[in-house]
Amino acid sequence: MLLIGSVVTAFAQKQKFIKFDKDELTKYYVTKKYVDAKDYIDKVLQNPKEQNNKDAIVSKAYIYAQLGYDSAAAYPTALATAGNILDSLQKTNDTATFNKLMREDYGINAVSMVYATDFNMGKNQFTNSQWDSAYHSFYNAAHWANYITQNGFSQNPDRNAIDTFTVLYTGYAAQNASSFTADSGYKNPAMADSAMSIYTALADRNIAIPNGEAMYVFMVQYYQYKKDKANADKYLAMGRQFYPNRAATWSQLETEGITAGGDLNQIISNYQASDAAGTMTEDQYTQIAGTLVSAEKKIQDSAMLIKVNNTAIDAYQKAFAKSQNGLYAYNIGILNYNIFNKLDDEFYANRGTTAASKAKRDAIEKRQQPVADSAIYWFNQAYTILSAKTNRENIDNISGNNAIKTLASLYGWKAQKAQGYNATDFAKYDALSQQFGKLEDSFK
């Protein structure tokens, strides 16, 4: 019993608690002895009677923030501890009470140091492409930056102002973390939604910082992916308004909006609506035509193939009307020639001596003739324009030679069809076929 009594007495003496004394802490602050201050406040908060003392808790947040800010290597978790204390205090107190705490015991100094550290950490992580980590660091920094402004702790008299730079980079980090690809969409859709939420808050304030068009580009693409045309158009218009010097970017995005989704009927419908509006540019017409031409390789249905082909022809013709580019004419010729060849395959598939086979061939040939004439017209346009071009590139020479070769073939076909039926037409087309045959490979 004597032994037990002596142990209890020793334990009681060892656990001697101390009370919170602001004056004691002030001595440490004045002399910048923050390690001693840490030891002191840790002992204070071991006292069960002091563990809910908000003044002591705020003091701990300040001391740990100061240590983490000044001596991060020695105290690597100090800033995180300070941040957790501040988060907990803010969540468990109303705004007025929390603001009062921040005005006392250097609370707002702790907030400022947590903000600065998170911001600098976010910058380093962003530079090293650590997008998720950068997002969380910037997010915390933005939270405290906005708290400082909105509660009158900054020199900015506008309490509705936001820390644009920090918020914007929070969005950039979330955007990069979302990892979008055209084939599979967003790898991290939650981050895409976060970026969109952040950007919307900035856009709703009509914020447009220099070289900040990437925000509006993302917003347009986000809504195009969601097939939300109204919002895509809204932010496209804002991008154009705030960054008029990036006209090519907005034009490209508008074109992507027409082709968004990949459904060919929808692309054609979108194209026709945009064309009817009369605002499409030369580049947009060629981009739409190129998209449709690329899609042709996957089309099995002949009716859809012709629909897509004719729409691509229309787009190239609209581009040609804006700029007499020989390559546009050549592409129109090729698209017509593709249809001609499809019909030619049908023609030979109906070989036979029966009246029914002959009737089918006659019907096919009747469809072929205007297509052949259109192809001839556009290949001639391409030949004429490219021949006159003095600074031809390799693609010009290849296209010019192909136009000549195809013209010789088409005129030969026309001569064959006229042979025995129309001597005048036969002579004309045969002469033209030979004329272009002699020009083969003349583009060098």
Protein backbone atom coordinates (compact mmCIF):
# COMPACT_ATOMS: atom_id res chain seq x y z
CA MET A 1 0.00 0.00 0.00
CA LEU A 2 2.85 2.36 0.79
CA LEU A 3 4.39 1.57 -2.60
CA ILE A 4 1.11 2.26 -4.48
CA GLY A 5 0.70 5.52 -2.64
CA SER A 6 4.17 6.69 -3.60
CA VAL A 7 3.54 5.89 -7.32
CA VAL A 8 0.26 7.82 -7.36
CA THR A 9 1.95 10.78 -5.66
CA ALA A 10 4.82 10.72 -8.18
CA PHE A 11 2.40 10.56 -11.12
CA ALA A 12 0.37 13.48 -9.78
CA GLN A 13 3.55 15.53 -9.38
CA LYS A 14 4.64 14.64 -12.94
CA GLN A 15 1.30 15.72 -14.42
CA LYS A 16 1.38 19.27 -13.10
CA PHE A 17 -0.81 21.28 -15.49
CA ILE A 18 -0.38 24.95 -16.36
CA LYS A 19 -2.94 27.58 -17.25
CA PHE A 20 -3.03 29.68 -20.40
CA ASP A 21 -1.28 33.03 -19.90
CA LYS A 22 -1.28 35.51 -22.79
CA ASP A 23 1.40 37.60 -21.18
CA GLU A 24 3.70 34.59 -21.04
CA LEU A 25 3.17 33.96 -24.76
CA THR A 26 3.73 37.61 -25.62
CA LYS A 27 7.24 37.37 -24.17
CA TYR A 28 8.02 34.58 -26.60
CA TYR A 29 6.48 36.50 -29.51
CA VAL A 30 8.47 39.65 -28.80
CA THR A 31 11.73 37.72 -28.67
CA LYS A 32 10.65 35.46 -31.61
CA LYS A 33 11.24 32.34 -29.55
CA TYR A 34 8.59 30.32 -31.38
CA VAL A 35 10.04 26.94 -30.39
CA ASP A 36 9.68 27.91 -26.73
CA ALA A 37 6.20 29.22 -27.52
CA LYS A 38 5.34 25.85 -29.09
CA ASP A 39 6.53 23.95 -26.03
CA TYR A 40 4.54 26.28 -23.82
CA ILE A 41 1.24 26.07 -25.78
CA ASP A 42 1.53 22.28 -26.11
CA LYS A 43 1.77 22.02 -22.32
CA VAL A 44 -1.16 24.41 -21.87
CA LEU A 45 -3.38 22.31 -24.13
CA GLN A 46 -2.50 19.16 -22.18
CA ASN A 47 -4.47 20.70 -19.33
CA PRO A 48 -8.01 19.26 -19.53
CA LYS A 49 -9.38 22.59 -18.32
CA GLU A 50 -7.69 24.46 -21.21
CA GLN A 51 -8.40 22.11 -24.09
CA ASN A 52 -11.51 24.06 -25.14
CA ASN A 53 -9.92 27.45 -24.58
CA LYS A 54 -10.33 29.07 -28.00
CA ASP A 55 -7.72 31.72 -27.28
CA ALA A 56 -5.19 28.99 -26.58
CA ILE A 57 -6.25 27.06 -29.69
CA VAL A 58 -5.89 30.14 -31.91
CA SER A 59 -2.50 30.82 -30.35
CA LYS A 60 -1.44 27.30 -31.26
CA ALA A 61 -2.52 27.87 -34.86
CA TYR A 62 -0.42 31.05 -35.02
CA ILE A 63 2.66 29.49 -33.38
CA TYR A 64 2.57 26.40 -35.59
CA ALA A 65 1.97 28.52 -38.70
CA GLN A 66 4.95 30.67 -37.79
CA LEU A 67 7.19 27.63 -37.27
CA GLY A 68 6.03 26.04 -40.51
CA TYR A 69 6.53 29.28 -42.40
CA ASP A 70 9.98 30.02 -40.93
CA SER A 71 11.35 26.50 -40.37
CA ALA A 72 9.49 24.11 -42.66
CA ALA A 73 12.42 21.68 -42.78
CA ALA A 74 12.52 21.30 -39.01
CA TYR A 75 8.72 21.30 -38.63
CA PRO A 76 7.34 19.82 -41.88
CA THR A 77 3.83 19.20 -40.51
CA ALA A 78 3.44 22.46 -38.60
CA LEU A 79 1.63 24.33 -41.41
CA ALA A 80 -0.77 21.43 -41.93
CA THR A 81 -1.50 21.42 -38.19
CA ALA A 82 -2.20 25.16 -38.26
CA GLY A 83 -4.45 24.75 -41.30
CA ASN A 84 -6.42 21.95 -39.65
CA ILE A 85 -6.93 24.06 -36.53
CA LEU A 86 -8.22 26.98 -38.57
CA ASP A 87 -10.52 24.72 -40.62
CA SER A 88 -11.95 23.21 -37.46
CA LEU A 89 -12.50 26.59 -35.82
CA GLN A 90 -14.22 27.97 -38.91
CA LYS A 91 -16.54 24.97 -39.20
CA THR A 92 -17.53 24.92 -35.53
CA ASN A 93 -18.15 28.66 -35.06
CA ASP A 94 -20.44 31.16 -36.72
CA THR A 95 -18.81 33.81 -38.90
CA ALA A 96 -18.93 36.58 -36.31
CA THR A 97 -17.32 34.41 -33.63
CA PHE A 98 -14.66 33.11 -35.98
CA ASN A 99 -13.86 36.63 -37.18
CA LYS A 100 -13.50 37.78 -33.57
CA LEU A 101 -11.06 34.94 -32.91
CA MET A 102 -9.05 35.87 -36.00
CA ARG A 103 -8.74 39.48 -34.83
CA GLU A 104 -7.24 38.33 -31.55
CA ASP A 105 -4.17 36.29 -30.67
CA TYR A 106 -2.63 36.70 -34.14
CA GLY A 107 -5.28 34.49 -35.72
CA ILE A 108 -5.35 36.37 -39.03
CA ASN A 109 -1.54 36.13 -39.17
CA ALA A 110 -1.92 32.35 -39.06
CA VAL A 111 -4.46 32.51 -41.89
CA SER A 112 -2.09 34.65 -43.97
CA MET A 113 0.82 32.26 -43.47
CA VAL A 114 -1.29 29.19 -44.30
CA TYR A 115 -2.52 30.97 -47.45
CA ALA A 116 0.99 31.96 -48.54
CA THR A 117 2.42 28.50 -47.92
CA ASP A 118 -0.37 26.72 -49.76
CA PHE A 119 -0.06 29.13 -52.67
CA ASN A 120 3.71 28.66 -52.99
CA MET A 121 3.33 24.91 -52.63
CA GLY A 122 0.70 24.96 -55.37
CA LYS A 123 3.04 26.88 -57.68
CA ASN A 124 5.81 24.33 -57.23
CA GLN A 125 3.44 21.41 -57.76
CA PHE A 126 1.95 23.09 -60.84
CA THR A 127 5.43 23.64 -62.30
CA ASN A 128 6.17 19.94 -61.77
CA SER A 129 2.87 18.88 -63.40
CA GLN A 130 1.53 17.49 -60.13
CA TRP A 131 -1.98 18.55 -61.05
CA ASP A 132 -4.03 16.92 -58.30
CA SER A 133 -1.71 18.14 -55.55
CA ALA A 134 -1.53 21.61 -57.09
CA TYR A 135 -5.32 21.77 -57.23
CA HIS A 136 -5.69 20.97 -53.53
CA SER A 137 -2.96 23.43 -52.53
CA PHE A 138 -4.41 26.23 -54.66
CA TYR A 139 -7.93 25.38 -53.49
CA ASN A 140 -6.91 25.83 -49.85
CA ALA A 141 -5.02 29.03 -50.69
CA ALA A 142 -8.03 30.42 -52.58
CA HIS A 143 -10.32 29.56 -49.67
CA TRP A 144 -8.27 31.62 -47.20
CA ALA A 145 -7.57 34.40 -49.70
CA ASN A 146 -11.30 34.87 -50.22
CA TYR A 147 -11.92 34.71 -46.47
CA ILE A 148 -9.40 37.51 -45.90
CA THR A 149 -11.03 39.75 -48.51
CA GLN A 150 -14.65 39.00 -47.82
CA ASN A 151 -14.34 39.59 -44.08
CA GLY A 152 -12.51 42.89 -44.18
CA PHE A 153 -9.00 41.72 -43.36
CA SER A 154 -7.44 43.03 -46.58
CA GLN A 155 -6.77 46.54 -47.88
CA ASN A 156 -9.29 45.99 -50.68
CA PRO A 157 -12.51 47.79 -49.70
CA ASP A 158 -14.55 45.56 -52.05
CA ARG A 159 -15.59 42.61 -49.94
CA ASN A 160 -17.07 40.88 -52.97
CA ALA A 161 -13.69 40.79 -54.69
CA ILE A 162 -11.91 37.48 -55.18
CA ASP A 163 -8.26 36.58 -55.52
CA THR A 164 -8.47 36.15 -59.29
CA PHE A 165 -4.98 34.80 -59.84
CA THR A 166 -5.21 32.11 -57.13
CA VAL A 167 -8.72 31.07 -58.15
CA LEU A 168 -7.76 30.93 -61.83
CA TYR A 169 -4.79 28.68 -61.14
CA THR A 170 -6.98 26.44 -59.01
CA GLY A 171 -9.09 26.04 -62.13
CA TYR A 172 -6.06 25.46 -64.36
CA ALA A 173 -4.80 22.70 -62.05
CA ALA A 174 -8.24 21.03 -62.00
CA GLN A 175 -8.47 21.33 -65.78
CA ASN A 176 -5.10 19.65 -66.27
CA ALA A 177 -5.99 16.96 -63.74
CA SER A 178 -9.18 16.16 -65.68
CA SER A 179 -7.06 14.74 -68.57
CA PHE A 180 -9.39 15.12 -71.54
CA THR A 181 -8.93 13.17 -74.76
CA ALA A 182 -11.21 13.28 -77.80
CA ASP A 183 -11.52 9.48 -77.87
CA SER A 184 -12.33 8.73 -74.23
CA GLY A 185 -13.48 12.04 -72.76
CA TYR A 186 -12.44 13.10 -69.25
CA LYS A 187 -10.25 10.65 -67.36
CA ASN A 188 -11.20 12.47 -64.15
CA PRO A 189 -14.67 13.98 -64.69
CA ALA A 190 -14.89 15.21 -61.09
CA MET A 191 -11.88 17.46 -61.71
CA ALA A 192 -13.47 18.68 -64.95
CA ASP A 193 -16.59 19.62 -63.00
CA SER A 194 -14.45 21.40 -60.39
CA ALA A 195 -12.64 23.39 -63.08
CA MET A 196 -15.97 24.30 -64.65
CA SER A 197 -17.38 25.47 -61.31
CA ILE A 198 -14.34 27.66 -60.68
CA TYR A 199 -14.31 29.12 -64.20
CA THR A 200 -18.03 29.84 -64.07
CA ALA A 201 -17.56 31.90 -60.90
CA LEU A 202 -14.93 33.97 -62.72
CA ALA A 203 -16.86 34.24 -65.99
CA ASP A 204 -20.00 35.36 -64.17
CA ARG A 205 -17.97 38.34 -62.98
CA ASN A 206 -16.85 39.05 -66.58
CA ILE A 207 -13.26 38.44 -65.51
CA ALA A 208 -10.75 38.29 -68.36
CA ILE A 209 -7.09 38.58 -67.43
CA PRO A 210 -4.40 39.01 -70.10
CA ASN A 211 -3.62 35.69 -71.85
CA GLY A 212 -6.41 34.02 -69.90
CA GLU A 213 -8.37 32.74 -72.89
CA ALA A 214 -7.61 29.11 -71.92
CA MET A 215 -10.39 29.36 -69.36
CA TYR A 216 -13.00 30.19 -71.99
CA VAL A 217 -11.61 27.55 -74.38
CA PHE A 218 -12.11 24.90 -71.69
CA MET A 219 -15.63 26.09 -70.92
CA VAL A 220 -16.68 25.89 -74.56
CA GLN A 221 -15.15 22.43 -75.01
CA TYR A 222 -16.69 21.23 -71.73
CA TYR A 223 -20.19 22.15 -72.87
CA GLN A 224 -19.59 20.84 -76.37
CA TYR A 225 -18.67 17.50 -74.81
CA LYS A 226 -21.85 17.68 -72.73
CA LYS A 227 -23.80 18.57 -75.93
CA ASP A 228 -25.05 21.73 -74.25
CA LYS A 229 -25.10 24.06 -77.25
CA ALA A 230 -26.64 27.01 -75.41
CA ASN A 231 -23.86 27.25 -72.84
CA ALA A 232 -21.16 26.42 -75.40
CA ASP A 233 -22.37 29.32 -77.53
CA LYS A 234 -22.61 31.59 -74.47
CA TYR A 235 -18.98 31.16 -73.44
CA LEU A 236 -17.77 31.14 -77.05
CA ALA A 237 -19.32 34.60 -77.42
CA MET A 238 -17.63 35.75 -74.20
CA GLY A 239 -14.27 34.43 -75.38
CA ARG A 240 -14.64 36.32 -78.64
CA GLN A 241 -15.59 39.48 -76.75
CA PHE A 242 -12.71 39.39 -74.27
CA TYR A 243 -10.00 38.01 -76.58
CA PRO A 244 -10.73 39.28 -80.11
CA ASN A 245 -7.10 38.74 -81.12
CA ARG A 246 -7.66 34.96 -80.87
CA ALA A 247 -10.18 34.87 -83.72
CA ALA A 248 -8.68 31.68 -85.18
CA THR A 249 -9.13 29.89 -81.84
CA TRP A 250 -12.80 30.82 -81.58
CA SER A 251 -13.38 29.89 -85.21
CA GLN A 252 -11.81 26.48 -84.61
CA LEU A 253 -13.97 25.94 -81.52
CA GLU A 254 -17.07 26.92 -83.44
CA THR A 255 -16.18 24.32 -86.07
CA GLU A 256 -15.62 21.71 -83.36
CA GLY A 257 -19.09 22.57 -82.09
CA ILE A 258 -20.53 21.73 -85.50
CA THR A 259 -18.76 18.36 -85.54
CA ALA A 260 -19.20 17.59 -81.81
CA GLY A 261 -20.69 14.18 -81.12
CA GLY A 262 -19.60 12.44 -84.31
CA ASP A 263 -23.12 11.53 -85.53
CA LEU A 264 -23.02 12.32 -89.25
CA ASN A 265 -26.65 13.36 -89.56
CA GLN A 266 -26.18 15.76 -86.66
CA ILE A 267 -22.94 17.13 -88.13
CA ILE A 268 -24.67 17.74 -91.44
CA SER A 269 -27.63 19.38 -89.70
CA ASN A 270 -25.31 21.60 -87.63
CA TYR A 271 -23.37 22.54 -90.75
CA GLN A 272 -26.48 23.47 -92.67
CA ALA A 273 -27.69 25.67 -89.79
CA SER A 274 -24.33 27.44 -89.50
CA ASP A 275 -24.11 27.86 -93.28
CA ALA A 276 -27.59 29.37 -93.37
CA ALA A 277 -26.55 31.87 -90.69
CA GLY A 278 -23.96 33.21 -93.14
CA THR A 279 -21.15 33.55 -90.60
CA MET A 280 -18.89 30.66 -91.59
CA THR A 281 -15.32 31.36 -92.64
CA GLU A 282 -13.27 29.78 -95.40
CA ASP A 283 -11.33 27.72 -92.85
CA GLN A 284 -14.52 26.49 -91.25
CA TYR A 285 -15.87 25.29 -94.58
CA THR A 286 -12.68 23.38 -95.32
CA GLN A 287 -12.56 21.90 -91.80
CA ILE A 288 -16.14 20.65 -92.07
CA ALA A 289 -15.43 19.21 -95.52
CA GLY A 290 -12.30 17.50 -94.21
CA THR A 291 -14.22 15.99 -91.28
CA LEU A 292 -16.85 14.57 -93.60
CA VAL A 293 -14.28 13.21 -96.05
CA SER A 294 -12.51 11.43 -93.19
CA ALA A 295 -15.81 9.92 -92.06
CA GLU A 296 -16.50 8.45 -95.50
CA LYS A 297 -14.07 5.57 -94.92
CA LYS A 298 -16.31 4.15 -92.18
CA ILE A 299 -19.64 4.49 -94.03
CA GLN A 300 -21.24 1.32 -95.36
CA ASP A 301 -24.66 2.67 -96.31
CA SER A 302 -24.56 3.98 -99.91
CA ALA A 303 -27.29 6.58 -99.34
CA MET A 304 -25.44 8.02 -96.35
CA LEU A 305 -22.19 7.95 -98.32
CA ILE A 306 -23.70 10.07 -101.08
CA LYS A 307 -25.27 12.44 -98.53
CA VAL A 308 -21.94 12.94 -96.75
CA ASN A 309 -20.08 13.27 -100.06
CA ASN A 310 -22.50 15.88 -101.39
CA THR A 311 -22.31 17.87 -98.15
CA ALA A 312 -18.50 17.84 -98.32
CA ILE A 313 -18.73 19.04 -101.93
CA ASP A 314 -21.03 21.85 -100.85
CA ALA A 315 -18.62 22.91 -98.09
CA TYR A 316 -15.64 22.94 -100.46
CA GLN A 317 -17.63 24.92 -103.01
CA LYS A 318 -18.46 27.52 -100.36
CA ALA A 319 -14.76 27.72 -99.46
CA PHE A 320 -13.86 28.05 -103.15
CA ALA A 321 -16.33 30.92 -103.48
CA LYS A 322 -14.38 32.76 -100.80
CA SER A 323 -10.96 31.94 -102.21
CA GLN A 324 -10.26 30.45 -105.64
CA ASN A 325 -7.86 27.88 -104.26
CA GLY A 326 -6.87 25.21 -106.77
CA LEU A 327 -6.75 22.55 -104.07
CA TYR A 328 -10.37 23.22 -103.13
CA ALA A 329 -11.34 22.71 -106.76
CA TYR A 330 -9.27 19.52 -106.91
CA ASN A 331 -10.97 18.15 -103.77
CA ILE A 332 -14.41 18.87 -105.24
CA GLY A 333 -13.33 17.04 -108.40
CA ILE A 334 -12.16 14.04 -106.33
CA LEU A 335 -15.43 13.91 -104.37
CA ASN A 336 -17.42 13.90 -107.62
CA TYR A 337 -15.11 11.31 -109.11
CA ASN A 338 -15.66 9.07 -106.05
CA ILE A 339 -19.39 9.13 -106.71
CA PHE A 340 -18.75 8.48 -110.40
CA ASN A 341 -16.67 5.39 -109.53
CA LYS A 342 -19.34 4.08 -107.15
CA LEU A 343 -21.86 4.34 -109.96
CA ASP A 344 -19.41 2.71 -112.35
CA ASP A 345 -19.11 -0.25 -109.96
CA GLU A 346 -22.90 -0.52 -109.99
CA PHE A 347 -22.90 -0.31 -113.81
CA TYR A 348 -20.55 -3.30 -114.17
CA ALA A 349 -22.33 -5.21 -111.43
CA ASN A 350 -25.37 -5.24 -113.73
CA ARG A 351 -23.69 -6.85 -116.69
CA GLY A 352 -25.91 -9.06 -118.77
CA THR A 353 -27.95 -9.19 -121.93
CA THR A 354 -31.39 -9.12 -120.43
CA ALA A 355 -33.67 -6.16 -120.91
CA ALA A 356 -33.72 -5.63 -117.14
CA SER A 357 -29.92 -5.47 -116.91
CA LYS A 358 -29.72 -3.06 -119.81
CA ALA A 359 -32.41 -0.85 -118.27
CA LYS A 360 -30.45 -0.71 -114.98
CA ARG A 361 -27.24 0.18 -116.80
CA ASP A 362 -29.00 2.91 -118.74
CA ALA A 363 -30.40 4.37 -115.50
CA ILE A 364 -26.98 4.28 -113.87
CA GLU A 365 -25.31 5.90 -116.87
CA LYS A 366 -27.93 8.63 -116.80
CA ARG A 367 -26.88 9.38 -113.20
CA GLN A 368 -23.20 9.15 -114.10
CA GLN A 369 -23.21 11.74 -116.85
CA PRO A 370 -23.88 14.87 -114.67
CA VAL A 371 -21.47 13.59 -112.02
CA ALA A 372 -18.77 13.11 -114.65
CA ASP A 373 -19.45 16.60 -116.01
CA SER A 374 -19.15 18.10 -112.54
CA ALA A 375 -15.90 16.25 -111.89
CA ILE A 376 -14.53 17.43 -115.25
CA TYR A 377 -15.49 21.02 -114.52
CA TRP A 378 -13.73 21.07 -111.15
CA PHE A 379 -10.64 19.21 -112.30
CA ASN A 380 -10.34 21.76 -115.11
CA GLN A 381 -10.63 24.54 -112.53
CA ALA A 382 -7.89 22.90 -110.48
CA TYR A 383 -5.66 22.42 -113.53
CA THR A 384 -6.08 26.04 -114.67
CA ILE A 385 -5.44 27.57 -111.23
CA LEU A 386 -2.53 25.32 -110.29
CA SER A 387 -0.92 25.75 -113.73
CA ALA A 388 -0.86 29.50 -113.22
CA LYS A 389 0.62 29.21 -109.73
CA THR A 390 4.30 30.20 -109.74
CA ASN A 391 5.28 29.08 -106.25
CA ARG A 392 3.78 25.60 -106.29
CA GLU A 393 4.37 23.22 -103.40
CA ASN A 394 4.63 19.45 -103.66
CA ILE A 395 0.93 18.98 -102.89
CA ASP A 396 0.09 21.35 -105.76
CA ASN A 397 2.17 19.30 -108.20
CA ILE A 398 0.70 16.00 -107.05
CA SER A 399 -2.85 17.36 -107.27
CA GLY A 400 -2.20 18.93 -110.68
CA ASN A 401 -0.85 15.69 -112.14
CA ASN A 402 -3.76 13.69 -110.68
CA ALA A 403 -6.23 16.20 -112.12
CA ILE A 404 -4.67 15.79 -115.59
CA LYS A 405 -4.71 12.00 -115.39
CA THR A 406 -8.33 11.91 -114.21
CA LEU A 407 -9.41 14.38 -116.89
CA ALA A 408 -7.86 12.15 -119.58
CA SER A 409 -9.78 9.19 -118.13
CA LEU A 410 -13.11 11.02 -117.80
CA TYR A 411 -12.92 12.47 -121.30
CA GLY A 412 -12.08 8.97 -122.54
CA TRP A 413 -15.20 7.66 -120.81
CA LYS A 414 -17.30 10.42 -122.37
CA ALA A 415 -15.85 9.60 -125.83
CA GLN A 416 -16.60 5.89 -125.34
CA LYS A 417 -20.21 6.61 -124.43
CA ALA A 418 -20.61 8.87 -127.50
CA GLN A 419 -18.98 6.44 -129.93
CA GLY A 420 -21.47 5.18 -132.47
CA TYR A 421 -24.15 7.54 -131.25
CA ASN A 422 -22.80 11.11 -131.60
CA ALA A 423 -19.79 11.60 -133.86
CA THR A 424 -19.33 15.27 -132.90
CA ASP A 425 -19.20 14.51 -129.20
CA PHE A 426 -16.95 11.51 -129.78
CA ALA A 427 -14.42 13.63 -131.69
CA LYS A 428 -14.48 16.39 -129.09
CA TYR A 429 -14.04 14.14 -126.07
CA ASP A 430 -11.51 11.89 -127.74
CA ALA A 431 -9.38 14.94 -128.63
CA LEU A 432 -9.59 16.23 -125.07
CA SER A 433 -8.67 12.85 -123.67
CA GLN A 434 -5.59 12.72 -125.87
CA GLN A 435 -4.72 16.33 -125.08
CA PHE A 436 -4.66 15.70 -121.33
CA GLY A 437 -3.00 12.33 -121.85
CA LYS A 438 -0.02 14.16 -123.37
CA LEU A 439 0.13 16.48 -120.32
CA GLU A 440 0.53 13.71 -117.77
CA ASP A 441 3.28 14.37 -115.21
CA SER A 442 3.77 17.89 -116.58
CA PHE A 443 3.63 19.38 -113.06
CA LYS A 444 7.14 19.35 -111.66
